[in-house]
Protein backbone atom coordinates (compact mmCIF):
# COMPACT_ATOMS: atom_id res chain seq x y z
CA MET A 1 -11.23 17.23 -10.60
CA ALA A 2 -8.22 18.98 -8.64
CA THR A 3 -7.04 16.97 -5.76
CA GLU A 4 -6.41 19.21 -2.33
CA PHE A 5 -3.96 18.24 -0.24
CA THR A 6 -4.83 20.56 2.90
CA ALA A 7 -4.33 19.08 6.43
CA PRO A 8 -7.51 18.16 7.70
CA GLY A 9 -9.49 19.34 10.83
CA ARG A 10 -7.57 17.24 13.48
CA VAL A 11 -9.83 15.91 15.99
CA GLY A 12 -8.49 17.78 19.43
CA ALA A 13 -5.12 17.98 18.35
CA PRO A 14 -3.02 20.85 16.23
CA PRO A 15 -2.28 19.48 12.73
CA ASP A 16 1.54 18.20 11.78
CA HIS A 17 2.10 20.22 8.59
CA ALA A 18 4.62 17.53 7.27
CA HIS A 19 1.45 15.64 6.56
CA ALA A 20 0.42 17.77 3.57
CA GLY A 21 1.88 18.34 0.43
CA ASP A 22 3.05 16.19 -2.62
CA ILE A 23 2.84 12.35 -2.28
CA ARG A 24 6.38 11.37 -2.59
CA GLY A 25 5.96 7.51 -2.87
CA ALA A 26 8.77 5.09 -3.47
CA LEU A 27 7.68 4.50 -6.82
CA GLY A 28 6.27 7.75 -7.89
CA THR A 29 5.27 11.11 -7.18
CA ILE A 30 1.65 12.69 -7.23
CA ARG A 31 1.88 16.81 -6.84
CA HIS A 32 -0.23 19.01 -4.92
CA GLY A 33 -3.15 20.08 -6.91
CA GLU A 34 -2.55 17.69 -9.54
CA THR A 35 -5.67 16.54 -11.39
CA ALA A 36 -7.51 13.27 -11.70
CA ALA A 37 -5.87 10.30 -13.27
CA SER A 38 -7.43 9.43 -16.64
CA GLY A 39 -6.40 6.61 -19.05
CA LEU A 40 -4.89 3.37 -17.79
CA SER A 41 -1.45 4.65 -17.98
CA ALA A 42 -2.10 7.52 -15.62
CA LYS A 43 -4.27 5.06 -13.52
CA PHE A 44 -1.12 2.81 -12.95
CA LYS A 45 1.40 5.69 -12.49
CA THR A 46 -1.27 6.77 -9.55
CA LEU A 47 -1.06 3.28 -8.21
CA LEU A 48 2.82 2.85 -8.40
CA ALA A 49 2.64 6.30 -6.46
CA ILE A 50 0.55 4.94 -3.90
CA ILE A 51 1.85 1.74 -3.27
CA GLY A 52 3.64 1.40 0.07
CA PRO A 53 1.41 1.42 3.49
CA GLY A 54 -1.00 -1.90 2.56
CA LEU A 55 2.34 -3.72 0.99
CA ILE A 56 4.45 -2.97 4.14
CA VAL A 57 1.99 -3.74 6.64
CA MET A 58 1.05 -7.13 5.24
CA VAL A 59 4.79 -8.15 4.39
CA GLY A 60 5.54 -6.99 7.86
CA ASP A 61 2.96 -9.20 8.88
CA ASN A 62 5.18 -12.23 7.91
CA ASP A 63 7.64 -11.61 10.78
CA ALA A 64 9.57 -14.07 13.24
CA GLY A 65 6.39 -14.92 14.69
CA ALA A 66 4.59 -15.84 11.39
CA PHE A 67 7.78 -17.78 10.34
CA ALA A 68 7.44 -20.09 13.63
CA THR A 69 3.76 -20.49 13.30
CA TYR A 70 3.58 -21.18 9.49
CA GLY A 71 6.86 -23.43 9.99
CA GLN A 72 5.05 -25.27 13.13
CA ALA A 73 1.97 -26.07 11.10
CA GLY A 74 4.12 -27.53 8.26
CA GLN A 75 6.51 -29.83 10.59
CA ASN A 76 4.08 -31.04 12.58
CA TYR A 77 0.94 -31.38 10.41
CA GLY A 78 2.58 -31.11 6.41
CA THR A 79 -0.07 -29.70 4.16
CA ALA A 80 -3.14 -30.33 5.76
CA LEU A 81 -3.32 -26.83 7.56
CA MET A 82 -3.11 -24.89 4.21
CA TRP A 83 -6.87 -24.41 4.13
CA THR A 84 -6.26 -22.05 7.12
CA LEU A 85 -4.36 -19.55 4.92
CA LEU A 86 -7.62 -19.21 2.69
CA LEU A 87 -9.55 -17.95 6.40
CA LEU A 88 -6.92 -15.08 6.44
CA VAL A 89 -7.84 -13.18 3.12
CA PRO A 90 -11.11 -11.79 4.36
CA VAL A 91 -9.65 -11.20 8.11
CA LEU A 92 -6.76 -9.35 6.49
CA TYR A 93 -8.81 -7.59 4.13
CA VAL A 94 -11.84 -6.12 6.65
CA ASN A 95 -9.31 -4.62 9.37
CA GLN A 96 -6.84 -3.00 7.11
CA GLU A 97 -9.40 -1.62 4.75
CA MET A 98 -11.06 0.13 7.69
CA VAL A 99 -8.19 1.79 9.34
CA LEU A 100 -6.69 2.97 5.93
CA ARG A 101 -10.31 4.73 5.43
CA LEU A 102 -10.04 6.39 8.77
CA GLY A 103 -6.36 7.72 7.96
CA ALA A 104 -7.31 9.15 4.54
CA VAL A 105 -10.54 10.84 5.77
CA THR A 106 -9.60 11.80 9.40
CA GLY A 107 -5.72 12.55 9.13
CA VAL A 108 -5.56 11.48 12.77
CA GLY A 109 -3.96 8.30 14.04
CA HIS A 110 -5.83 5.55 15.53
CA ALA A 111 -5.01 6.18 19.35
CA ARG A 112 -5.93 9.90 18.95
CA LEU A 113 -9.45 8.70 17.89
CA ILE A 114 -9.93 6.61 20.80
CA LEU A 115 -8.63 9.09 22.99
CA GLU A 116 -11.13 11.79 21.67
CA ARG A 117 -14.13 9.56 20.94
CA PHE A 118 -13.85 7.21 23.99
CA GLY A 119 -12.09 9.09 26.80
CA ARG A 120 -8.86 9.31 28.75
CA PHE A 121 -8.78 5.35 30.09
CA TRP A 122 -9.23 4.01 26.57
CA GLY A 123 -6.68 6.42 25.11
CA ALA A 124 -4.29 5.67 27.58
CA PHE A 125 -4.95 1.96 27.88
CA SER A 126 -4.75 1.88 23.80
CA VAL A 127 -1.27 3.35 23.88
CA ILE A 128 0.25 2.10 27.04
CA ASP A 129 -1.08 -1.41 26.01
CA LEU A 130 0.46 -0.92 22.46
CA PHE A 131 3.67 0.23 24.05
CA ILE A 132 4.37 -2.55 25.99
CA LEU A 133 3.52 -5.14 23.49
CA ASN A 134 5.44 -3.49 20.63
CA ALA A 135 8.68 -3.37 23.03
CA LEU A 136 7.73 -7.20 23.36
CA THR A 137 7.11 -7.83 19.77
CA LEU A 138 10.37 -6.18 18.77
CA VAL A 139 12.21 -8.81 21.28
CA THR A 140 10.72 -11.35 19.04
CA GLU A 141 12.01 -9.92 15.56
CA PHE A 142 15.52 -9.67 17.44
CA ILE A 143 15.16 -13.33 18.51
CA GLY A 144 14.63 -14.06 14.75
CA ILE A 145 17.51 -12.04 13.84
CA THR A 146 19.78 -14.30 16.18
CA LEU A 147 18.19 -17.54 14.60
CA ALA A 148 18.95 -16.32 11.20
CA ALA A 149 22.64 -15.04 11.76
CA GLY A 150 23.42 -18.31 14.17
CA TYR A 151 22.54 -20.59 10.88
CA LEU A 152 24.25 -18.23 8.53
CA GLY A 153 27.20 -18.58 10.95
CA LEU A 154 27.41 -15.07 11.66
CA PRO A 155 28.50 -13.70 15.37
CA LYS A 156 25.41 -12.95 17.55
CA ILE A 157 26.68 -9.79 18.94
CA PRO A 158 27.65 -7.90 15.71
CA SER A 159 24.36 -9.42 14.00
CA VAL A 160 21.86 -8.09 16.62
CA ILE A 161 24.16 -4.32 16.70
CA LEU A 162 24.34 -3.90 12.88
CA ALA A 163 20.40 -5.29 12.68
CA GLY A 164 19.50 -2.78 15.51
CA LEU A 165 21.36 0.25 13.40
CA VAL A 166 20.40 -0.24 9.87
CA ILE A 167 16.24 -0.48 11.57
CA MET A 168 17.35 3.05 13.22
CA ALA A 169 19.13 4.45 10.18
CA ALA A 170 16.36 3.65 7.63
CA ALA A 171 13.79 5.74 9.16
CA SER A 172 16.14 8.68 10.65
CA THR A 173 17.00 10.25 7.39
CA GLY A 174 13.93 12.51 7.13
CA SER A 175 12.97 11.47 3.95
CA PHE A 176 9.86 9.61 3.58
CA ARG A 177 10.32 8.45 0.30
CA ARG A 178 13.64 7.27 1.35
CA PHE A 179 12.73 5.12 3.67
CA GLU A 180 9.32 3.38 1.76
CA ARG A 181 12.07 2.94 -0.75
CA ILE A 182 14.31 0.67 1.45
CA ALA A 183 10.92 -0.86 2.70
CA ILE A 184 9.52 -2.24 -0.69
CA VAL A 185 13.13 -3.42 -1.63
CA LEU A 186 12.85 -5.51 1.58
CA CYS A 187 9.32 -6.47 0.52
CA GLY A 188 10.60 -8.09 -2.52
CA ALA A 189 13.51 -9.85 -0.81
CA SER A 190 10.66 -11.45 1.10
CA LEU A 191 9.89 -13.78 -2.28
CA LEU A 192 12.82 -15.28 -1.51
CA LEU A 193 10.71 -18.01 -0.12
CA VAL A 194 9.08 -18.78 -3.70
CA PRO A 195 12.52 -20.23 -5.08
CA VAL A 196 12.96 -22.06 -1.61
CA TYR A 197 9.56 -23.47 -2.30
CA VAL A 198 10.52 -24.36 -6.06
CA MET A 199 13.88 -26.29 -4.63
CA ALA A 200 11.74 -28.09 -1.42
CA HIS A 201 9.28 -28.90 -4.50
CA PRO A 202 6.47 -30.21 -2.46
CA ALA A 203 3.95 -32.32 -4.35
CA SER A 204 1.44 -30.40 -5.79
CA SER A 205 -1.31 -32.98 -5.28
CA GLU A 206 -0.74 -32.56 -1.25
CA VAL A 207 -0.73 -28.60 -1.75
CA ALA A 208 -3.97 -28.81 -3.52
CA ARG A 209 -5.62 -31.06 -0.76
CA GLY A 210 -4.32 -29.11 1.96
CA PHE A 211 -5.70 -25.87 0.31
CA LEU A 212 -9.29 -27.50 -0.86
CA LEU A 213 -10.01 -30.04 1.49
CA PRO A 214 -10.24 -28.73 5.27
CA SER A 215 -9.33 -31.17 7.71
CA LEU A 216 -8.04 -31.69 11.55
CA PRO A 217 -5.44 -34.05 11.42
CA ALA A 218 -4.02 -36.01 14.40
CA GLY A 219 -0.75 -34.81 15.92
CA PRO A 220 1.87 -35.02 18.62
CA GLY A 221 -0.44 -34.12 21.99
CA GLY A 222 -3.91 -34.54 20.48
CA MET A 223 -6.37 -32.19 19.73
CA ALA A 224 -5.87 -29.21 21.81
CA PRO A 225 -2.40 -28.25 20.51
CA LEU A 226 -3.93 -28.67 16.70
CA MET A 227 -6.79 -26.26 17.73
CA LEU A 228 -4.54 -23.58 19.44
CA LEU A 229 -2.62 -23.81 16.34
CA VAL A 230 -5.01 -23.56 14.06
CA ILE A 231 -6.23 -20.34 15.88
CA GLY A 232 -2.75 -19.06 16.14
CA VAL A 233 -2.74 -19.00 12.59
CA VAL A 234 -5.71 -17.00 11.95
CA GLY A 235 -5.09 -14.98 15.04
CA THR A 236 -1.56 -13.95 14.38
CA THR A 237 -2.65 -11.90 11.21
CA VAL A 238 -4.31 -9.20 12.89
CA ALA A 239 -1.66 -7.86 15.44
CA PRO A 240 -2.87 -4.70 17.15
CA TRP A 241 0.35 -2.95 15.86
CA GLN A 242 -0.74 -3.39 12.18
CA LEU A 243 -4.27 -1.17 12.59
CA PHE A 244 -1.94 2.12 14.18
CA PHE A 245 0.71 1.71 11.86
CA GLN A 246 -1.30 1.56 8.77
CA GLN A 247 -3.67 4.48 9.63
CA SER A 248 -0.79 6.61 10.50
CA TYR A 249 1.32 5.69 7.76
CA VAL A 250 -1.35 6.06 5.43
CA ILE A 251 -1.92 9.95 6.57
CA ASP A 252 2.36 10.46 6.90
CA LYS A 253 1.95 9.42 3.06
CA ARG A 254 -0.49 12.23 2.66
CA ILE A 255 -3.05 9.92 1.05
CA THR A 256 -6.46 11.62 0.96
CA PRO A 257 -9.65 10.15 0.10
CA ARG A 258 -9.70 10.17 -3.63
CA PHE A 259 -6.99 7.70 -3.49
CA ILE A 260 -8.48 5.06 -1.05
CA LYS A 261 -9.45 2.81 -4.28
CA TYR A 262 -6.00 2.83 -4.95
CA GLU A 263 -4.63 2.20 -1.47
CA LYS A 264 -7.10 -0.89 -1.80
CA ALA A 265 -5.40 -2.01 -4.60
CA ASP A 266 -2.07 -1.85 -2.61
CA LEU A 267 -3.92 -3.87 0.32
CA TRP A 268 -4.94 -6.60 -2.21
CA ILE A 269 -0.91 -6.69 -3.47
CA GLY A 270 0.16 -6.72 0.35
CA ILE A 271 -2.41 -9.76 1.01
CA ALA A 272 -1.55 -11.68 -2.03
CA VAL A 273 2.39 -11.58 -0.98
CA VAL A 274 1.29 -12.46 2.36
CA ILE A 275 -0.46 -15.43 1.21
CA VAL A 276 2.06 -16.81 -1.03
CA GLY A 277 4.69 -16.57 1.54
CA ALA A 278 2.84 -18.08 3.87
CA ALA A 279 1.97 -20.78 1.73
CA ALA A 280 5.39 -21.53 0.83
CA MET A 281 6.65 -21.63 4.60
CA MET A 282 4.18 -24.41 5.34
CA GLY A 283 5.02 -26.04 2.00
CA VAL A 284 8.70 -26.11 2.55
CA ALA A 285 8.44 -27.37 5.92
CA ALA A 286 6.21 -29.97 5.27
CA ALA A 287 8.33 -31.32 2.19
CA ALA A 288 11.48 -31.03 4.60
CA PHE A 289 10.53 -33.03 7.46
CA ALA A 290 7.82 -35.55 5.62
CA GLY A 291 8.77 -39.00 6.96
CA THR A 292 11.57 -38.14 9.17
CA GLU A 293 12.25 -38.48 12.80
CA ALA A 294 11.69 -34.45 13.13
CA ALA A 295 8.15 -34.52 11.92
CA GLY A 296 5.75 -33.39 14.84
CA ASN A 297 8.64 -32.20 16.85
CA PHE A 298 8.97 -28.29 15.94
CA THR A 299 11.74 -26.23 17.38
CA ASP A 300 11.82 -23.05 16.10
CA SER A 301 12.60 -21.22 12.48
CA ALA A 302 16.38 -22.18 12.54
CA GLY A 303 15.18 -25.79 12.98
CA ILE A 304 13.42 -25.32 9.86
CA ALA A 305 16.56 -23.99 8.07
CA HIS A 306 18.54 -26.82 9.24
CA GLY A 307 15.84 -29.45 8.21
CA LEU A 308 15.78 -27.63 4.88
CA GLU A 309 19.26 -27.72 4.41
CA ALA A 310 19.28 -31.46 5.11
CA TYR A 311 16.48 -32.07 2.42
CA ALA A 312 17.29 -29.85 -0.43
CA GLY A 313 20.89 -28.43 0.42
CA ARG A 314 22.43 -25.35 1.93
CA VAL A 315 21.46 -22.99 -0.65
CA ALA A 316 17.95 -23.73 0.24
CA GLY A 317 18.59 -23.66 3.73
CA ALA A 318 20.93 -20.40 3.85
CA LEU A 319 17.79 -18.46 1.48
CA PHE A 320 15.25 -19.46 3.86
CA ALA A 321 17.50 -17.80 6.70
CA VAL A 322 17.77 -14.65 4.64
CA ALA A 323 14.16 -14.45 4.14
CA LEU A 324 13.81 -14.62 7.90
CA LEU A 325 16.30 -12.27 8.74
CA ASP A 326 14.39 -9.86 5.85
CA ALA A 327 11.04 -10.91 7.46
CA CYS A 328 12.43 -9.51 11.35
CA VAL A 329 13.58 -6.35 9.75
CA ILE A 330 10.39 -5.23 8.13
CA GLY A 331 8.53 -6.46 11.07
CA ALA A 332 10.71 -3.99 13.43
CA PHE A 333 10.62 -1.02 10.91
CA ALA A 334 6.59 -1.49 11.23
CA VAL A 335 6.47 -2.54 14.95
CA SER A 336 8.50 0.38 15.93
CA LEU A 337 6.97 3.25 13.74
CA SER A 338 3.51 2.21 14.80
CA THR A 339 4.63 2.74 18.31
CA ALA A 340 6.26 6.34 17.70
CA TYR A 341 3.40 7.05 15.45
CA ALA A 342 0.97 6.36 18.25
CA VAL A 343 2.97 8.25 21.09
CA GLY A 344 3.63 11.09 18.90
CA ASP A 345 -0.17 11.60 17.94
CA VAL A 346 -1.57 11.58 21.76
CA LEU A 347 1.17 13.59 23.00
CA ASP A 348 0.85 16.36 20.38
CA LEU A 349 4.38 15.63 19.11
CA ASN A 350 5.74 15.86 15.41
CA HIS A 351 5.39 12.75 14.43
CA SER A 352 6.25 12.29 10.63
CA LEU A 353 9.00 10.66 8.40
CA HIS A 354 9.37 13.71 6.14
CA ARG A 355 11.03 15.22 9.09
CA GLY A 356 14.65 15.23 10.20
CA ILE A 357 15.73 14.06 13.38
CA ARG A 358 16.01 18.11 14.73
CA ASN A 359 12.45 18.71 13.90
CA ALA A 360 10.86 15.48 15.17
CA LYS A 361 13.14 14.25 18.28
CA GLY A 362 10.55 12.89 20.39
CA PHE A 363 8.76 10.80 17.71
CA TYR A 364 12.77 9.38 16.56
CA ALA A 365 13.65 9.22 20.25
CA VAL A 366 10.52 6.48 20.98
CA TYR A 367 11.53 4.65 17.63
CA ALA A 368 15.25 4.44 18.56
CA GLY A 369 14.67 3.68 22.10
CA LEU A 370 12.63 0.71 21.43
CA VAL A 371 15.09 -0.60 18.86
CA ALA A 372 17.70 -0.34 21.33
CA ALA A 373 15.99 -1.84 24.22
CA ALA A 374 14.57 -4.93 22.17
CA ALA A 375 18.44 -5.59 21.02
CA ALA A 376 19.76 -5.15 24.66
CA VAL A 377 17.32 -7.54 25.98
CA VAL A 378 18.17 -10.07 23.39
CA LEU A 379 22.06 -9.85 24.03
CA ILE A 380 21.34 -10.15 28.05
CA PRO A 381 22.84 -13.49 29.04
CA GLY A 382 20.17 -15.88 30.43
CA SER A 383 17.46 -13.65 29.30
CA PRO A 384 13.88 -15.64 29.00
CA LEU A 385 13.39 -15.32 25.45
CA GLY A 386 11.14 -17.96 25.26
CA LEU A 387 9.02 -16.16 28.17
CA LEU A 388 8.80 -12.97 26.39
CA THR A 389 7.59 -14.93 23.30
CA GLU A 390 4.60 -15.98 25.63
CA GLY A 391 4.28 -12.59 26.73
CA VAL A 392 3.63 -11.20 23.39
CA GLN A 393 0.82 -13.81 22.64
CA ALA A 394 -0.89 -13.18 25.85
CA LEU A 395 -0.93 -9.54 25.88
CA ALA A 396 -2.04 -9.56 22.02
CA GLY A 397 -4.76 -11.37 23.25
CA VAL A 398 -5.67 -9.02 25.57
CA LEU A 399 -5.53 -5.93 23.76
CA LEU A 400 -7.27 -7.35 20.55
CA PRO A 401 -10.79 -7.23 21.48
CA SER A 402 -10.46 -3.45 22.30
CA ALA A 403 -8.87 -2.52 19.43
CA SER A 404 -11.11 -4.79 16.86
CA VAL A 405 -14.11 -3.12 18.68
CA PHE A 406 -12.83 0.51 18.54
CA LEU A 407 -12.32 -0.04 14.66
CA LEU A 408 -15.71 -1.07 14.29
CA LEU A 409 -17.53 1.49 16.58
CA LEU A 410 -15.37 4.57 14.60
CA CYS A 411 -16.20 3.47 11.17
CA ASN A 412 -19.40 3.46 12.20
CA ASP A 413 -19.41 7.11 13.85
CA ARG A 414 -20.73 9.67 11.14
CA GLU A 415 -19.30 12.46 13.01
CA ILE A 416 -15.93 11.13 11.86
CA LEU A 417 -16.22 9.29 8.51
CA GLY A 418 -19.46 11.17 7.14
CA PRO A 419 -20.13 9.56 3.79
CA TRP A 420 -17.40 7.15 4.43
CA VAL A 421 -18.92 5.01 7.25
CA ASN A 422 -19.72 1.66 7.07
CA GLY A 423 -22.95 0.34 4.85
CA ARG A 424 -25.07 -2.59 6.54
CA ALA A 425 -23.47 -5.42 4.66
CA THR A 426 -19.89 -4.20 5.56
CA ASN A 427 -21.25 -3.91 9.46
CA VAL A 428 -22.69 -7.48 9.27
CA PHE A 429 -19.15 -8.83 7.78
CA THR A 430 -16.93 -6.92 9.71
CA SER A 431 -19.00 -7.84 13.18
CA LEU A 432 -18.55 -11.47 12.15
CA VAL A 433 -14.64 -11.43 11.63
CA VAL A 434 -14.69 -8.79 14.89
CA GLY A 435 -16.54 -11.60 16.63
CA VAL A 436 -14.38 -14.47 15.38
CA LEU A 437 -11.21 -12.49 16.23
CA VAL A 438 -12.37 -11.84 19.84
CA THR A 439 -13.14 -15.26 20.08
CA LEU A 440 -9.69 -16.61 19.25
CA SER A 441 -8.27 -13.92 21.62
CA VAL A 442 -9.94 -15.09 24.40
CA ILE A 443 -8.84 -18.98 23.80
CA LEU A 444 -5.52 -17.62 23.25
CA THR A 445 -5.20 -15.50 26.31
CA ALA A 446 -6.88 -18.68 28.39
CA ALA A 447 -4.06 -20.86 26.80
CA VAL A 448 -1.22 -18.97 28.17
CA LEU A 449 -3.13 -18.55 31.89
CA PHE A 450 -3.94 -22.43 31.44
CA PRO A 451 -1.21 -23.87 29.65
CA GLY A 452 -3.02 -27.37 30.21
CA ILE A 453 -6.40 -26.34 28.73
CA GLY A 454 -8.00 -29.12 26.85
CA GLU A 455 -10.28 -29.48 23.42
CA SER A 456 -13.55 -29.54 25.67
CA GLN A 457 -12.36 -26.19 27.46
CA ILE A 458 -11.68 -24.70 24.12
CA PHE A 459 -15.11 -25.88 22.64
CA MET A 460 -16.65 -24.43 25.73
CA ILE A 461 -15.32 -21.10 25.19
CA MET A 462 -16.24 -21.15 21.46
CA GLY A 463 -19.67 -22.06 22.50
CA GLY A 464 -19.74 -19.29 25.27
CA CYS A 465 -18.73 -16.62 22.87
CA ALA A 466 -20.93 -17.65 20.04
CA ALA A 467 -23.75 -17.64 22.60
CA ALA A 468 -22.89 -13.97 23.73
CA GLY A 469 -22.82 -13.13 20.08
CA ALA A 470 -25.88 -14.28 19.35
CA VAL A 471 -27.90 -12.38 22.09
CA VAL A 472 -25.93 -9.02 21.17
CA THR A 473 -27.16 -9.70 17.03
CA GLY A 474 -30.57 -10.52 18.46
CA TYR A 475 -30.47 -7.46 20.47
CA VAL A 476 -29.18 -4.85 17.73
CA LEU A 477 -31.72 -6.41 15.11
CA ALA A 478 -34.46 -5.45 17.54
CA ARG A 479 -33.24 -2.07 18.07
CA ARG A 480 -33.15 -1.53 14.70
CA ARG A 481 -36.51 -2.60 13.75
CA ARG A 482 -37.81 -0.22 16.31
CA SER A 483 -36.03 2.65 14.61
CA ALA A 484 -35.64 3.89 11.14
CA ALA A 485 -32.40 4.01 9.82
CA VAL A 486 -31.06 7.15 8.36
CA PRO A 487 -29.74 6.89 4.93
CA ILE A 488 -26.03 7.15 4.18
CA ASP A 489 -25.20 10.13 1.76
CA ARG A 490 -22.53 9.37 -0.07
CA THR A 491 -22.08 12.10 -2.83
CA GLY A 492 -18.84 14.08 -2.82
CA ARG A 493 -17.23 11.79 -0.57
CA ASP A 494 -14.11 11.78 -2.35
CA ASP A 495 -13.43 15.91 -1.31
CA TRP A 496 -14.72 15.06 1.77
CA ARG A 497 -12.57 15.50 5.05
CA THR A 498 -13.35 15.36 8.75
CA PRO A 499 -14.44 18.56 9.93
CA PRO A 500 -12.42 20.50 12.36
CA PRO A 501 -13.02 19.97 16.16
CA ALA A 502 -15.50 22.89 17.05
CA GLU A 503 -17.61 21.43 14.60
CA LEU A 504 -17.76 18.19 16.02
CA GLY A 505 -20.21 17.12 18.40
CA ARG A 506 -19.57 14.86 21.64
CA PRO A 507 -20.05 11.45 20.95
CA VAL A 508 -23.43 10.24 22.45
CA LEU A 509 -23.25 6.75 24.26
CA SER A 510 -26.47 4.83 24.81
CA ALA A 511 -26.87 2.80 28.05
CA THR A 512 -26.26 -0.39 25.82
CA ARG A 513 -22.92 0.73 24.64
CA ARG A 514 -22.19 2.23 28.28
CA LEU A 515 -22.73 -1.18 29.44
CA GLY A 516 -20.70 -2.98 26.72
CA MET A 517 -17.93 -0.43 27.24
CA ALA A 518 -18.00 -1.38 31.14
CA VAL A 519 -17.88 -5.12 30.55
CA LEU A 520 -14.95 -4.71 28.01
CA ARG A 521 -12.90 -2.79 30.60
CA LEU A 522 -13.89 -5.63 32.95
CA TYR A 523 -12.64 -7.89 30.71
CA LEU A 524 -9.29 -6.33 29.91
CA THR A 525 -8.55 -5.08 33.65
CA VAL A 526 -9.02 -8.81 34.82
CA ALA A 527 -7.07 -10.37 31.97
CA THR A 528 -4.36 -8.25 31.96
CA VAL A 529 -3.85 -8.96 35.81
CA LEU A 530 -4.17 -12.65 34.95
CA VAL A 531 -1.57 -12.45 32.46
CA ILE A 532 0.68 -10.50 34.73
CA VAL A 533 0.71 -12.86 37.22
CA LYS A 534 0.81 -15.66 35.15
CA ILE A 535 4.25 -13.91 33.75
CA VAL A 536 5.60 -13.45 37.06
CA GLN A 537 5.31 -16.75 38.05
CA MET A 538 6.62 -18.47 35.42
CA ALA A 539 9.55 -15.80 35.24
CA LEU A 540 10.12 -17.12 39.10
CA GLY A 541 9.85 -20.78 37.66
CA HIS A 542 12.32 -19.66 35.25
C-alpha cells in the first residue's frame, strides 16, 4: 500500500509544508510514496530511518537534573533505591506513546491542540508556563555544563559560551537530518556511563537486591527527605517539555500513522538507554561513597565525579564528567526546541528544522534567544543558581497536572484521533499513571512551598489524592454503566488523518468536565501564585 506524505488537515492553523515530504532521518530515508516495507531487512531499514524522536526525548530526560537526582540516590542510599527505576518504565512509555500518536495522526503540536480544543486560556497558559519553565530548565543544563567543565579543568566562561554556540549551531543549519545525526551521536555518547560503571564495579549482589527488593532505608534527615527523593526520581521522568517536544518532533520528521509501530520501537530503545544510564549513575555513586564520610552528604554532580576519581581513578571521574556535559547538551537541544516548536505552532510561524534561518526567523530566534539567555544567567556573578533550580522543580510540579490531564483528554477525542483514540484498557492504566503523577506533582509543589514538610503531611496528601481519585473513578464508572459505549472502528487507521478544520465540530464539554476544568484552573492559579511568592521570599533572603 502506498504511503501518503501529504500535510494533514491542521486544526485552526495553516499547514507548514516543510512537515510533508520524504522522511530523511539520521540513519536512513523513506521516500515520498514509497510502498510499505515487507521482509525483515526492509523493516529494519525502515526502523533505522524512523529512529530519533523517542531516543532523543528519552536520553534528553537523563539531563543535569537527572544526574543530580540519581547521583543523590546512590550517594545517600546506596543501591537501595534501584527498584524505583522499574517504576519509570510504564510512566515513561504511556505518556510519550500518547503524544507520538497525537503528532503522527494530527500533524499539530501539543500547544496548538490545547488551544483549539480547550480555549485561549489553556492554550496561553500552556505556552507561557512552558516558556518560563523551559527557560529555567535551560539554566540548570548550563549549571551542569559549568560543573563538568570545572571538574575537567576547563575555564567557565569560554566553556559556557562554546557550549551555547554549539547548541545554537547544531539546530540552525536548515537540515533536519544533520541535526538528528548530531543528536544521535550525542545519545550514543551517553553510554559512556557503562564503562564508568564497569570501572566502579559495584557489587552485583547489592545491585540485584536493590532492583528486586523494594525498601525505604533510613538515611540523613529521616523518612521525609527519602520519600521526597523517591518522588523526585519518579516525577523527574515526565517533564512537561517532553510532551511538547516529541509531538512536534514527530511532525517535523514527517512521521505518519503507518510508522507509529516503528516509532513505538524507537521509544522503547530510548527507554532502555535511559534505564541503563540511570542504573549506572546510581550504581557508581553507591560504590564510590560506600563507607566514606561523604556517604549521605550529597552536594552536586561534580562531587560525584570527585568521589568517583578517589575511588576508581581519574579516568572514571573524567568519563563521568564528559557524560554529564553530553547530557546537558542533549537536554538543552530538546528543551529549546520544545519551546520554539510550541511558540511557532501557536503563533502560526514556520517552525521546522527543514527550514533555514531565513525561512523561519521567529522559530530560530526563540531557540537561540532561550539558549543565550540561559547561558548569560549562569555567567552572572552571584546569580542564585540554587534558587533557580528549585524554581524549575516547583513550576514543573504546577504544569504537570494540566499537561497530563489534557494529554488524556486529547487521546479520547474522537474528532481528533478517530480510530487512534485510547481503548478502555489504555484509559484505565493511563488514568492510574496520570493520577500518580498528579499526586507526585502536588507533593513536590508542597515541598517547595513548605520545606519543613514531614512524612505525616506527605501521607496526608497521598491519602487525599487517593480519596479524590476514588470518587472520580466511581463517578466515571457509574456514568458509563448508564450510557452505552460506542465501539471504536479501527479499520483503515494507517491512512486516517485528522480532518480539515471545517469538518471538525467544536468539543462539547459536559457539566462534570467543566467543573473539573474549573477546579484545575483554580489549583493552577493558587499554586502558581504561591510558588511565585515563595521564590520571591527566597530571593530576598538570598
